[in-house]
PDB file of N, CA and C in Angstrom:
ATOM      1  N   MET A   1     -51.810  46.496  42.605  1.00  0.00           N
ATOM      2  CA  MET A   1     -50.635  47.391  42.440  1.00  0.00           C
ATOM      3  C   MET A   1     -49.628  47.210  43.471  1.00  0.00           C
ATOM      4  N   LYS A   2     -50.066  46.863  44.715  1.00  0.00           N
ATOM      5  CA  LYS A   2     -49.194  46.631  45.832  1.00  0.00           C
ATOM      6  C   LYS A   2     -48.347  45.378  45.528  1.00  0.00           C
ATOM      7  N   ASN A   3     -48.935  44.354  44.954  1.00  0.00           N
ATOM      8  CA  ASN A   3     -48.275  43.125  44.609  1.00  0.00           C
ATOM      9  C   ASN A   3     -47.167  43.375  43.592  1.00  0.00           C
ATOM     10  N   ILE A   4     -47.411  44.214  42.594  1.00  0.00           N
ATOM     11  CA  ILE A   4     -46.433  44.482  41.567  1.00  0.00           C
ATOM     12  C   ILE A   4     -45.209  45.156  42.166  1.00  0.00           C
ATOM     13  N   PHE A   5     -45.550  46.129  43.089  1.00  0.00           N
ATOM     14  CA  PHE A   5     -44.431  46.820  43.803  1.00  0.00           C
ATOM     15  C   PHE A   5     -43.589  45.875  44.595  1.00  0.00           C
ATOM     16  N   VAL A   6     -44.164  44.988  45.313  1.00  0.00           N
ATOM     17  CA  VAL A   6     -43.451  44.061  46.111  1.00  0.00           C
ATOM     18  C   VAL A   6     -42.611  43.161  45.258  1.00  0.00           C
ATOM     19  N   ILE A   7     -43.190  42.650  44.148  1.00  0.00           N
ATOM     20  CA  ILE A   7     -42.423  41.754  43.148  1.00  0.00           C
ATOM     21  C   ILE A   7     -41.199  42.557  42.625  1.00  0.00           C
ATOM     22  N   PHE A   8     -41.454  43.817  42.317  1.00  0.00           N
ATOM     23  CA  PHE A   8     -40.359  44.681  41.742  1.00  0.00           C
ATOM     24  C   PHE A   8     -39.223  44.799  42.711  1.00  0.00           C
ATOM     25  N   ILE A   9     -39.530  45.062  43.972  1.00  0.00           N
ATOM     26  CA  ILE A   9     -38.550  45.266  45.038  1.00  0.00           C
ATOM     27  C   ILE A   9     -37.814  43.977  45.279  1.00  0.00           C
ATOM     28  N   LEU A  10     -38.547  42.853  45.259  1.00  0.00           N
ATOM     29  CA  LEU A  10     -37.838  41.484  45.401  1.00  0.00           C
ATOM     30  C   LEU A  10     -36.893  41.232  44.237  1.00  0.00           C
ATOM     31  N   CYS A  11     -37.295  41.552  43.088  1.00  0.00           N
ATOM     32  CA  CYS A  11     -36.406  41.419  41.914  1.00  0.00           C
ATOM     33  C   CYS A  11     -35.149  42.179  42.062  1.00  0.00           C
ATOM     34  N   ILE A  12     -35.256  43.389  42.493  1.00  0.00           N
ATOM     35  CA  ILE A  12     -34.102  44.299  42.705  1.00  0.00           C
ATOM     36  C   ILE A  12     -33.124  43.633  43.783  1.00  0.00           C
ATOM     37  N   LEU A  13     -33.690  43.161  44.864  1.00  0.00           N
ATOM     38  CA  LEU A  13     -32.972  42.576  45.958  1.00  0.00           C
ATOM     39  C   LEU A  13     -32.231  41.338  45.535  1.00  0.00           C
ATOM     40  N   ILE A  14     -32.903  40.533  44.690  1.00  0.00           N
ATOM     41  CA  ILE A  14     -32.312  39.258  44.273  1.00  0.00           C
ATOM     42  C   ILE A  14     -31.195  39.486  43.182  1.00  0.00           C
ATOM     43  N   THR A  15     -31.429  40.406  42.229  1.00  0.00           N
ATOM     44  CA  THR A  15     -30.470  40.613  41.192  1.00  0.00           C
ATOM     45  C   THR A  15     -29.366  41.566  41.464  1.00  0.00           C
ATOM     46  N   GLY A  16     -29.572  42.404  42.429  1.00  0.00           N
ATOM     47  CA  GLY A  16     -28.611  43.400  42.830  1.00  0.00           C
ATOM     48  C   GLY A  16     -28.807  44.647  42.042  1.00  0.00           C
ATOM     49  N   CYS A  17     -27.974  45.647  42.279  1.00  0.00           N
ATOM     50  CA  CYS A  17     -28.049  46.956  41.723  1.00  0.00           C
ATOM     51  C   CYS A  17     -27.493  46.910  40.328  1.00  0.00           C
ATOM     52  N   PRO A  18     -28.227  47.427  39.285  1.00  0.00           N
ATOM     53  CA  PRO A  18     -27.615  47.395  37.946  1.00  0.00           C
ATOM     54  C   PRO A  18     -26.561  48.436  37.871  1.00  0.00           C
ATOM     55  N   GLY A  19     -25.625  48.170  36.888  1.00  0.00           N
ATOM     56  CA  GLY A  19     -24.538  49.124  36.712  1.00  0.00           C
ATOM     57  C   GLY A  19     -23.289  48.908  37.567  1.00  0.00           C
ATOM     58  N   GLY A  20     -23.322  48.012  38.488  1.00  0.00           N
ATOM     59  CA  GLY A  20     -22.131  47.739  39.340  1.00  0.00           C
ATOM     60  C   GLY A  20     -21.075  46.951  38.578  1.00  0.00           C
ATOM     61  N   ASN A  21     -19.932  46.768  39.198  1.00  0.00           N
ATOM     62  CA  ASN A  21     -18.932  45.952  38.587  1.00  0.00           C
ATOM     63  C   ASN A  21     -19.435  44.507  38.443  1.00  0.00           C
ATOM     64  N   ARG A  22     -19.105  43.956  37.254  1.00  0.00           N
ATOM     65  CA  ARG A  22     -19.495  42.629  36.969  1.00  0.00           C
ATOM     66  C   ARG A  22     -18.412  41.647  37.517  1.00  0.00           C
ATOM     67  N   ALA A  23     -18.895  40.457  37.893  1.00  0.00           N
ATOM     68  CA  ALA A  23     -17.950  39.448  38.340  1.00  0.00           C
ATOM     69  C   ALA A  23     -17.081  39.057  37.209  1.00  0.00           C
ATOM     70  N   PRO A  24     -15.787  38.704  37.455  1.00  0.00           N
ATOM     71  CA  PRO A  24     -14.852  38.288  36.397  1.00  0.00           C
ATOM     72  C   PRO A  24     -15.362  36.976  35.761  1.00  0.00           C
ATOM     73  N   LYS A  25     -15.074  36.774  34.533  1.00  0.00           N
ATOM     74  CA  LYS A  25     -15.484  35.607  33.810  1.00  0.00           C
ATOM     75  C   LYS A  25     -14.478  34.467  34.129  1.00  0.00           C
ATOM     76  N   ASN A  26     -14.932  33.252  34.130  1.00  0.00           N
ATOM     77  CA  ASN A  26     -14.038  32.171  34.288  1.00  0.00           C
ATOM     78  C   ASN A  26     -13.227  31.903  33.028  1.00  0.00           C
ATOM     79  N   ARG A  27     -11.894  31.728  33.177  1.00  0.00           N
ATOM     80  CA  ARG A  27     -11.064  31.502  31.999  1.00  0.00           C
ATOM     81  C   ARG A  27      -9.789  30.781  32.551  1.00  0.00           C
ATOM     82  N   PHE A  28      -9.508  29.633  32.001  1.00  0.00           N
ATOM     83  CA  PHE A  28      -8.333  28.892  32.450  1.00  0.00           C
ATOM     84  C   PHE A  28      -7.075  29.603  32.030  1.00  0.00           C
ATOM     85  N   THR A  29      -6.040  29.443  32.872  1.00  0.00           N
ATOM     86  CA  THR A  29      -4.662  29.842  32.531  1.00  0.00           C
ATOM     87  C   THR A  29      -4.074  28.573  31.951  1.00  0.00           C
ATOM     88  N   PHE A  30      -2.842  28.758  31.452  1.00  0.00           N
ATOM     89  CA  PHE A  30      -2.100  27.593  30.977  1.00  0.00           C
ATOM     90  C   PHE A  30      -1.050  27.150  31.997  1.00  0.00           C
ATOM     91  N   ILE A  31      -1.179  25.970  32.603  1.00  0.00           N
ATOM     92  CA  ILE A  31      -0.306  25.505  33.606  1.00  0.00           C
ATOM     93  C   ILE A  31       0.305  24.213  33.257  1.00  0.00           C
ATOM     94  N   ASN A  32       1.632  24.175  33.260  1.00  0.00           N
ATOM     95  CA  ASN A  32       2.391  22.970  32.983  1.00  0.00           C
ATOM     96  C   ASN A  32       3.379  22.771  34.109  1.00  0.00           C
ATOM     97  N   GLY A  33       3.001  21.898  35.067  1.00  0.00           N
ATOM     98  CA  GLY A  33       3.911  21.769  36.209  1.00  0.00           C
ATOM     99  C   GLY A  33       3.882  23.075  37.046  1.00  0.00           C
ATOM    100  N   ASN A  34       5.032  23.708  37.273  1.00  0.00           N
ATOM    101  CA  ASN A  34       5.147  24.897  38.018  1.00  0.00           C
ATOM    102  C   ASN A  34       5.152  26.147  37.072  1.00  0.00           C
ATOM    103  N   HIS A  35       4.976  25.947  35.783  1.00  0.00           N
ATOM    104  CA  HIS A  35       5.025  26.979  34.797  1.00  0.00           C
ATOM    105  C   HIS A  35       3.598  27.483  34.438  1.00  0.00           C
ATOM    106  N   LEU A  36       3.319  28.728  34.663  1.00  0.00           N
ATOM    107  CA  LEU A  36       2.045  29.323  34.486  1.00  0.00           C
ATOM    108  C   LEU A  36       2.128  30.443  33.370  1.00  0.00           C
ATOM    109  N   CYS A  37       1.200  30.326  32.447  1.00  0.00           N
ATOM    110  CA  CYS A  37       1.070  31.387  31.381  1.00  0.00           C
ATOM    111  C   CYS A  37      -0.370  31.958  31.424  1.00  0.00           C
ATOM    112  N   PHE A  38      -0.537  33.270  31.482  1.00  0.00           N
ATOM    113  CA  PHE A  38      -1.880  33.792  31.429  1.00  0.00           C
ATOM    114  C   PHE A  38      -2.444  33.781  29.995  1.00  0.00           C
ATOM    115  N   SER A  39      -1.570  33.791  28.947  1.00  0.00           N
ATOM    116  CA  SER A  39      -1.936  33.718  27.548  1.00  0.00           C
ATOM    117  C   SER A  39      -0.724  33.286  26.851  1.00  0.00           C
ATOM    118  N   ILE A  40      -0.958  32.557  25.730  1.00  0.00           N
ATOM    119  CA  ILE A  40       0.133  32.228  24.790  1.00  0.00           C
ATOM    120  C   ILE A  40      -0.014  32.892  23.490  1.00  0.00           C
ATOM    121  N   ASP A  41      -0.899  33.917  23.439  1.00  0.00           N
ATOM    122  CA  ASP A  41      -1.137  34.640  22.198  1.00  0.00           C
ATOM    123  C   ASP A  41      -0.386  35.973  22.328  1.00  0.00           C
ATOM    124  N   LYS A  42       0.527  36.253  21.416  1.00  0.00           N
ATOM    125  CA  LYS A  42       1.298  37.508  21.449  1.00  0.00           C
ATOM    126  C   LYS A  42       0.497  38.810  21.298  1.00  0.00           C
ATOM    127  N   ASN A  43      -0.768  38.634  20.914  1.00  0.00           N
ATOM    128  CA  ASN A  43      -1.646  39.793  20.705  1.00  0.00           C
ATOM    129  C   ASN A  43      -2.376  40.115  21.979  1.00  0.00           C
ATOM    130  N   ASP A  44      -2.386  39.218  22.962  1.00  0.00           N
ATOM    131  CA  ASP A  44      -3.049  39.463  24.222  1.00  0.00           C
ATOM    132  C   ASP A  44      -2.175  40.289  25.131  1.00  0.00           C
ATOM    133  N   VAL A  45      -2.779  41.186  25.943  1.00  0.00           N
ATOM    134  CA  VAL A  45      -2.025  42.063  26.801  1.00  0.00           C
ATOM    135  C   VAL A  45      -2.460  41.774  28.191  1.00  0.00           C
ATOM    136  N   LEU A  46      -1.495  41.410  29.077  1.00  0.00           N
ATOM    137  CA  LEU A  46      -1.815  41.200  30.566  1.00  0.00           C
ATOM    138  C   LEU A  46      -1.770  42.499  31.219  1.00  0.00           C
ATOM    139  N   ASN A  47      -2.874  42.844  31.899  1.00  0.00           N
ATOM    140  CA  ASN A  47      -2.998  44.097  32.651  1.00  0.00           C
ATOM    141  C   ASN A  47      -2.582  44.012  34.059  1.00  0.00           C
ATOM    142  N   PHE A  48      -2.920  42.947  34.748  1.00  0.00           N
ATOM    143  CA  PHE A  48      -2.582  42.759  36.179  1.00  0.00           C
ATOM    144  C   PHE A  48      -2.806  41.324  36.541  1.00  0.00           C
ATOM    145  N   TYR A  49      -2.306  40.905  37.744  1.00  0.00           N
ATOM    146  CA  TYR A  49      -2.628  39.558  38.207  1.00  0.00           C
ATOM    147  C   TYR A  49      -2.431  39.486  39.660  1.00  0.00           C
ATOM    148  N   THR A  50      -3.146  38.667  40.390  1.00  0.00           N
ATOM    149  CA  THR A  50      -2.978  38.287  41.810  1.00  0.00           C
ATOM    150  C   THR A  50      -3.276  36.814  41.944  1.00  0.00           C
ATOM    151  N   ILE A  51      -2.423  36.053  42.586  1.00  0.00           N
ATOM    152  CA  ILE A  51      -2.630  34.673  42.879  1.00  0.00           C
ATOM    153  C   ILE A  51      -2.820  34.493  44.339  1.00  0.00           C
ATOM    154  N   TYR A  52      -3.975  33.934  44.695  1.00  0.00           N
ATOM    155  CA  TYR A  52      -4.320  33.672  46.089  1.00  0.00           C
ATOM    156  C   TYR A  52      -4.231  32.155  46.385  1.00  0.00           C
ATOM    157  N   SER A  53      -3.908  31.840  47.607  1.00  0.00           N
ATOM    158  CA  SER A  53      -3.922  30.411  48.052  1.00  0.00           C
ATOM    159  C   SER A  53      -4.659  30.346  49.307  1.00  0.00           C
ATOM    160  N   SER A  54      -5.413  29.238  49.541  1.00  0.00           N
ATOM    161  CA  SER A  54      -6.167  29.051  50.801  1.00  0.00           C
ATOM    162  C   SER A  54      -5.998  27.634  51.306  1.00  0.00           C
ATOM    163  N   LYS A  55      -5.914  27.538  52.608  1.00  0.00           N
ATOM    164  CA  LYS A  55      -5.841  26.305  53.255  1.00  0.00           C
ATOM    165  C   LYS A  55      -6.385  26.492  54.645  1.00  0.00           C
ATOM    166  N   ASP A  56      -7.305  25.653  55.102  1.00  0.00           N
ATOM    167  CA  ASP A  56      -7.849  25.734  56.457  1.00  0.00           C
ATOM    168  C   ASP A  56      -8.427  27.109  56.732  1.00  0.00           C
ATOM    169  N   HIS A  57      -9.182  27.649  55.748  1.00  0.00           N
ATOM    170  CA  HIS A  57      -9.887  28.989  55.802  1.00  0.00           C
ATOM    171  C   HIS A  57      -8.973  30.179  55.950  1.00  0.00           C
ATOM    172  N   LYS A  58      -7.637  29.932  55.669  1.00  0.00           N
ATOM    173  CA  LYS A  58      -6.734  31.097  55.726  1.00  0.00           C
ATOM    174  C   LYS A  58      -6.273  31.416  54.287  1.00  0.00           C
ATOM    175  N   ILE A  59      -6.532  32.612  53.800  1.00  0.00           N
ATOM    176  CA  ILE A  59      -6.217  33.087  52.489  1.00  0.00           C
ATOM    177  C   ILE A  59      -4.960  33.922  52.516  1.00  0.00           C
ATOM    178  N   THR A  60      -4.032  33.604  51.597  1.00  0.00           N
ATOM    179  CA  THR A  60      -2.809  34.350  51.517  1.00  0.00           C
ATOM    180  C   THR A  60      -2.563  34.697  49.999  1.00  0.00           C
ATOM    181  N   ILE A  61      -1.853  35.818  49.822  1.00  0.00           N
ATOM    182  CA  ILE A  61      -1.468  36.221  48.484  1.00  0.00           C
ATOM    183  C   ILE A  61      -0.100  35.539  48.131  1.00  0.00           C
ATOM    184  N   VAL A  62      -0.111  34.745  47.120  1.00  0.00           N
ATOM    185  CA  VAL A  62       1.160  34.043  46.718  1.00  0.00           C
ATOM    186  C   VAL A  62       2.052  35.038  45.989  1.00  0.00           C
ATOM    187  N   THR A  63       1.543  35.772  45.042  1.00  0.00           N
ATOM    188  CA  THR A  63       2.222  36.755  44.266  1.00  0.00           C
ATOM    189  C   THR A  63       1.200  37.598  43.488  1.00  0.00           C
ATOM    190  N   GLY A  64       1.672  38.758  43.050  1.00  0.00           N
ATOM    191  CA  GLY A  64       0.806  39.589  42.235  1.00  0.00           C
ATOM    192  C   GLY A  64       1.606  40.789  41.659  1.00  0.00           C
ATOM    193  N   SER A  65       0.920  41.433  40.825  1.00  0.00           N
ATOM    194  CA  SER A  65       1.610  42.592  40.122  1.00  0.00           C
ATOM    195  C   SER A  65       1.344  43.912  40.831  1.00  0.00           C
ATOM    196  N   GLY A  66       0.497  43.870  41.806  1.00  0.00           N
ATOM    197  CA  GLY A  66       0.111  45.201  42.484  1.00  0.00           C
ATOM    198  C   GLY A  66      -0.899  45.951  41.637  1.00  0.00           C
ATOM    199  N   TYR A  67      -0.962  47.189  41.828  1.00  0.00           N
ATOM    200  CA  TYR A  67      -1.947  48.012  41.207  1.00  0.00           C
ATOM    201  C   TYR A  67      -1.455  48.624  39.871  1.00  0.00           C
ATOM    202  N   ASN A  68      -0.206  48.358  39.478  1.00  0.00           N
ATOM    203  CA  ASN A  68       0.327  48.948  38.290  1.00  0.00           C
ATOM    204  C   ASN A  68      -0.255  48.176  37.049  1.00  0.00           C
ATOM    205  N   ASN A  69      -0.346  48.894  35.983  1.00  0.00           N
ATOM    206  CA  ASN A  69      -0.797  48.320  34.750  1.00  0.00           C
ATOM    207  C   ASN A  69       0.383  47.712  34.023  1.00  0.00           C
ATOM    208  N   LEU A  70       0.418  46.463  33.889  1.00  0.00           N
ATOM    209  CA  LEU A  70       1.566  45.762  33.321  1.00  0.00           C
ATOM    210  C   LEU A  70       1.772  46.044  31.837  1.00  0.00           C
ATOM    211  N   ASP A  71       0.761  45.818  31.037  1.00  0.00           N
ATOM    212  CA  ASP A  71       0.808  45.893  29.597  1.00  0.00           C
ATOM    213  C   ASP A  71       1.930  45.141  29.006  1.00  0.00           C
ATOM    214  N   ILE A  72       1.906  43.847  29.264  1.00  0.00           N
ATOM    215  CA  ILE A  72       2.958  42.898  28.730  1.00  0.00           C
ATOM    216  C   ILE A  72       2.257  41.798  27.901  1.00  0.00           C
ATOM    217  N   SER A  73       3.017  41.191  27.053  1.00  0.00           N
ATOM    218  CA  SER A  73       2.496  40.147  26.119  1.00  0.00           C
ATOM    219  C   SER A  73       3.383  38.956  26.261  1.00  0.00           C
ATOM    220  N   TYR A  74       2.948  37.848  25.687  1.00  0.00           N
ATOM    221  CA  TYR A  74       3.658  36.571  25.660  1.00  0.00           C
ATOM    222  C   TYR A  74       4.969  36.798  24.977  1.00  0.00           C
ATOM    223  N   PRO A  75       6.126  36.244  25.488  1.00  0.00           N
ATOM    224  CA  PRO A  75       6.257  35.296  26.600  1.00  0.00           C
ATOM    225  C   PRO A  75       6.389  35.853  27.984  1.00  0.00           C
ATOM    226  N   ASP A  76       6.310  37.152  28.071  1.00  0.00           N
ATOM    227  CA  ASP A  76       6.436  37.834  29.391  1.00  0.00           C
ATOM    228  C   ASP A  76       5.204  37.620  30.314  1.00  0.00           C
ATOM    229  N   THR A  77       4.168  37.028  29.747  1.00  0.00           N
ATOM    230  CA  THR A  77       2.969  36.666  30.577  1.00  0.00           C
ATOM    231  C   THR A  77       3.089  35.333  31.291  1.00  0.00           C
ATOM    232  N   CYS A  78       4.226  34.784  31.370  1.00  0.00           N
ATOM    233  CA  CYS A  78       4.519  33.547  31.978  1.00  0.00           C
ATOM    234  C   CYS A  78       5.419  33.674  33.196  1.00  0.00           C
ATOM    235  N   LEU A  79       5.205  32.816  34.213  1.00  0.00           N
ATOM    236  CA  LEU A  79       6.038  32.859  35.403  1.00  0.00           C
ATOM    237  C   LEU A  79       6.019  31.443  36.048  1.00  0.00           C
ATOM    238  N   ASN A  80       6.976  31.271  36.927  1.00  0.00           N
ATOM    239  CA  ASN A  80       7.031  29.901  37.599  1.00  0.00           C
ATOM    240  C   ASN A  80       6.486  30.124  39.026  1.00  0.00           C
ATOM    241  N   ILE A  81       5.674  29.245  39.464  1.00  0.00           N
ATOM    242  CA  ILE A  81       5.001  29.231  40.708  1.00  0.00           C
ATOM    243  C   ILE A  81       5.147  27.840  41.355  1.00  0.00           C
ATOM    244  N   LYS A  82       5.522  27.764  42.608  1.00  0.00           N
ATOM    245  CA  LYS A  82       5.691  26.513  43.338  1.00  0.00           C
ATOM    246  C   LYS A  82       4.328  26.270  43.939  1.00  0.00           C
ATOM    247  N   TRP A  83       3.441  25.408  43.363  1.00  0.00           N
ATOM    248  CA  TRP A  83       2.188  25.013  43.864  1.00  0.00           C
ATOM    249  C   TRP A  83       2.334  24.120  45.051  1.00  0.00           C
ATOM    250  N   LYS A  84       1.619  24.302  46.138  1.00  0.00           N
ATOM    251  CA  LYS A  84       1.723  23.470  47.322  1.00  0.00           C
ATOM    252  C   LYS A  84       0.499  22.565  47.344  1.00  0.00           C
ATOM    253  N   ASN A  85       0.726  21.315  47.732  1.00  0.00           N
ATOM    254  CA  ASN A  85      -0.337  20.313  47.800  1.00  0.00           C
ATOM    255  C   ASN A  85      -1.380  20.629  48.831  1.00  0.00           C
ATOM    256  N   GLY A  86      -2.645  20.222  48.647  1.00  0.00           N
ATOM    257  CA  GLY A  86      -3.636  20.347  49.627  1.00  0.00           C
ATOM    258  C   GLY A  86      -4.147  21.838  49.790  1.00  0.00           C
ATOM    259  N   ARG A  87      -4.066  22.594  48.672  1.00  0.00           N
ATOM    260  CA  ARG A  87      -4.516  23.992  48.747  1.00  0.00           C
ATOM    261  C   ARG A  87      -5.433  24.291  47.543  1.00  0.00           C
ATOM    262  N   THR A  88      -6.215  25.353  47.778  1.00  0.00           N
ATOM    263  CA  THR A  88      -7.053  25.918  46.714  1.00  0.00           C
ATOM    264  C   THR A  88      -6.354  27.235  46.211  1.00  0.00           C
ATOM    265  N   TYR A  89      -6.346  27.396  44.892  1.00  0.00           N
ATOM    266  CA  TYR A  89      -5.774  28.562  44.345  1.00  0.00           C
ATOM    267  C   TYR A  89      -6.782  29.319  43.509  1.00  0.00           C
ATOM    268  N   VAL A  90      -6.746  30.702  43.566  1.00  0.00           N
ATOM    269  CA  VAL A  90      -7.554  31.523  42.810  1.00  0.00           C
ATOM    270  C   VAL A  90      -6.587  32.491  42.105  1.00  0.00           C
ATOM    271  N   ILE A  91      -6.698  32.523  40.756  1.00  0.00           N
ATOM    272  CA  ILE A  91      -5.857  33.405  39.983  1.00  0.00           C
ATOM    273  C   ILE A  91      -6.791  34.472  39.365  1.00  0.00           C
ATOM    274  N   HIS A  92      -6.617  35.678  39.769  1.00  0.00           N
ATOM    275  CA  HIS A  92      -7.487  36.785  39.316  1.00  0.00           C
ATOM    276  C   HIS A  92      -6.485  37.660  38.456  1.00  0.00           C
ATOM    277  N   TYR A  93      -6.962  37.861  37.198  1.00  0.00           N
ATOM    278  CA  TYR A  93      -6.115  38.611  36.251  1.00  0.00           C
ATOM    279  C   TYR A  93      -6.907  39.364  35.228  1.00  0.00           C
ATOM    280  N   GLY A  94      -6.291  40.369  34.682  1.00  0.00           N
ATOM    281  CA  GLY A  94      -6.845  41.227  33.658  1.00  0.00           C
ATOM    282  C   GLY A  94      -6.062  40.928  32.311  1.00  0.00           C
ATOM    283  N   LEU A  95      -6.835  40.673  31.307  1.00  0.00           N
ATOM    284  CA  LEU A  95      -6.251  40.389  29.991  1.00  0.00           C
ATOM    285  C   LEU A  95      -7.088  41.150  28.923  1.00  0.00           C
ATOM    286  N   ASN A  96      -6.370  42.023  28.199  1.00  0.00           N
ATOM    287  CA  ASN A  96      -7.046  42.889  27.176  1.00  0.00           C
ATOM    288  C   ASN A  96      -8.199  43.740  27.861  1.00  0.00           C
ATOM    289  N   ASN A  97      -7.854  44.202  29.073  1.00  0.00           N
ATOM    290  CA  ASN A  97      -8.804  45.062  29.794  1.00  0.00           C
ATOM    291  C   ASN A  97     -10.075  44.393  30.199  1.00  0.00           C
ATOM    292  N   LYS A  98     -10.096  43.073  30.294  1.00  0.00           N
ATOM    293  CA  LYS A  98     -11.201  42.247  30.846  1.00  0.00           C
ATOM    294  C   LYS A  98     -10.721  41.480  32.011  1.00  0.00           C
ATOM    295  N   LYS A  99     -11.580  41.277  32.994  1.00  0.00           N
ATOM    296  CA  LYS A  99     -11.225  40.646  34.241  1.00  0.00           C
ATOM    297  C   LYS A  99     -11.609  39.076  34.110  1.00  0.00           C
ATOM    298  N   TYR A 100     -10.658  38.307  34.581  1.00  0.00           N
ATOM    299  CA  TYR A 100     -10.925  36.865  34.514  1.00  0.00           C
ATOM    300  C   TYR A 100     -10.469  36.192  35.843  1.00  0.00           C
ATOM    301  N   VAL A 101     -10.950  35.010  36.062  1.00  0.00           N
ATOM    302  CA  VAL A 101     -10.572  34.232  37.253  1.00  0.00           C
ATOM    303  C   VAL A 101     -10.402  32.745  36.911  1.00  0.00           C
ATOM    304  N   HIS A 102      -9.410  32.131  37.444  1.00  0.00           N
ATOM    305  CA  HIS A 102      -9.194  30.659  37.311  1.00  0.00           C
ATOM    306  C   HIS A 102      -9.059  30.137  38.716  1.00  0.00           C
ATOM    307  N   GLN A 103      -9.890  29.195  39.079  1.00  0.00           N
ATOM    308  CA  GLN A 103      -9.890  28.581  40.399  1.00  0.00           C
ATOM    309  C   GLN A 103      -9.573  27.087  40.249  1.00  0.00           C
ATOM    310  N   PHE A 104      -8.702  26.636  41.137  1.00  0.00           N
ATOM    311  CA  PHE A 104      -8.389  25.179  41.087  1.00  0.00           C
ATOM    312  C   PHE A 104      -7.885  24.721  42.425  1.00  0.00           C
ATOM    313  N   ASP A 105      -7.941  23.387  42.633  1.00  0.00           N
ATOM    314  CA  ASP A 105      -7.345  22.748  43.808  1.00  0.00           C
ATOM    315  C   ASP A 105      -6.127  22.035  43.378  1.00  0.00           C
ATOM    316  N   VAL A 106      -5.199  21.886  44.255  1.00  0.00           N
ATOM    317  CA  VAL A 106      -4.093  20.998  44.125  1.00  0.00           C
ATOM    318  C   VAL A 106      -4.296  20.000  45.292  1.00  0.00           C
ATOM    319  N   ASP A 107      -4.568  18.740  44.872  1.00  0.00           N
ATOM    320  CA  ASP A 107      -4.854  17.715  45.967  1.00  0.00           C
ATOM    321  C   ASP A 107      -3.582  17.328  46.674  1.00  0.00           C
ATOM    322  N   ASN A 108      -3.707  16.514  47.711  1.00  0.00           N
ATOM    323  CA  ASN A 108      -2.537  16.088  48.513  1.00  0.00           C
ATOM    324  C   ASN A 108      -1.539  15.366  47.682  1.00  0.00           C
ATOM    325  N   ASN A 109      -1.842  14.804  46.509  1.00  0.00           N
ATOM    326  CA  ASN A 109      -0.929  14.094  45.676  1.00  0.00           C
ATOM    327  C   ASN A 109      -0.336  15.005  44.584  1.00  0.00           C
ATOM    328  N   GLY A 110      -0.692  16.266  44.551  1.00  0.00           N
ATOM    329  CA  GLY A 110      -0.211  17.161  43.588  1.00  0.00           C
ATOM    330  C   GLY A 110      -0.988  17.290  42.296  1.00  0.00           C
ATOM    331  N   LYS A 111      -2.145  16.623  42.261  1.00  0.00           N
ATOM    332  CA  LYS A 111      -2.981  16.713  41.067  1.00  0.00           C
ATOM    333  C   LYS A 111      -3.784  17.958  41.050  1.00  0.00           C
ATOM    334  N   GLN A 112      -3.812  18.625  39.930  1.00  0.00           N
ATOM    335  CA  GLN A 112      -4.626  19.929  39.784  1.00  0.00           C
ATOM    336  C   GLN A 112      -6.043  19.486  39.351  1.00  0.00           C
ATOM    337  N   ILE A 113      -7.030  20.098  40.123  1.00  0.00           N
ATOM    338  CA  ILE A 113      -8.440  19.837  39.855  1.00  0.00           C
ATOM    339  C   ILE A 113      -9.096  21.210  39.584  1.00  0.00           C
ATOM    340  N   ASN A 114      -9.534  21.490  38.365  1.00  0.00           N
ATOM    341  CA  ASN A 114     -10.102  22.809  38.048  1.00  0.00           C
ATOM    342  C   ASN A 114     -11.494  22.974  38.689  1.00  0.00           C
ATOM    343  N   LEU A 115     -11.835  24.156  39.125  1.00  0.00           N
ATOM    344  CA  LEU A 115     -13.150  24.389  39.743  1.00  0.00           C
ATOM    345  C   LEU A 115     -13.799  25.453  38.815  1.00  0.00           C
ATOM    346  N   GLY A 116     -15.158  25.461  38.890  1.00  0.00           N
ATOM    347  CA  GLY A 116     -15.891  26.421  38.052  1.00  0.00           C
ATOM    348  C   GLY A 116     -16.053  25.876  36.614  1.00  0.00           C
ATOM    349  N   GLU A 117     -16.879  26.567  35.900  1.00  0.00           N
ATOM    350  CA  GLU A 117     -17.184  26.200  34.497  1.00  0.00           C
ATOM    351  C   GLU A 117     -16.678  27.284  33.574  1.00  0.00           C
ATOM    352  N   LEU A 118     -16.498  26.887  32.380  1.00  0.00           N
ATOM    353  CA  LEU A 118     -16.042  27.852  31.312  1.00  0.00           C
ATOM    354  C   LEU A 118     -17.230  28.049  30.390  1.00  0.00           C
TER     355      LEU A 118
END
């Protein structure tokens, strides 16, 4: 009985507490040069976004919508961003009331390298 209790406690510690906020799902945004679209479907609704940049362990917010609920659709879900070489970017956004994240590097030559799996 003692072993079952220990295994149960270890399972809780490893998996975390049930019912908490789930991590956002990986989902690519649409990037063409400096043009970024969260969705190109007019039926999708963008709720919020924040774009983070990191270099040398320093994280900065590039831009974001703040805490307001945007409730906008394509083509208003697009914006222009000047990506800097040699940085990692994390785009955290809400689309149709679901949370998503898109992570990528821009190498020193300006090439975008997607991180994470879909």
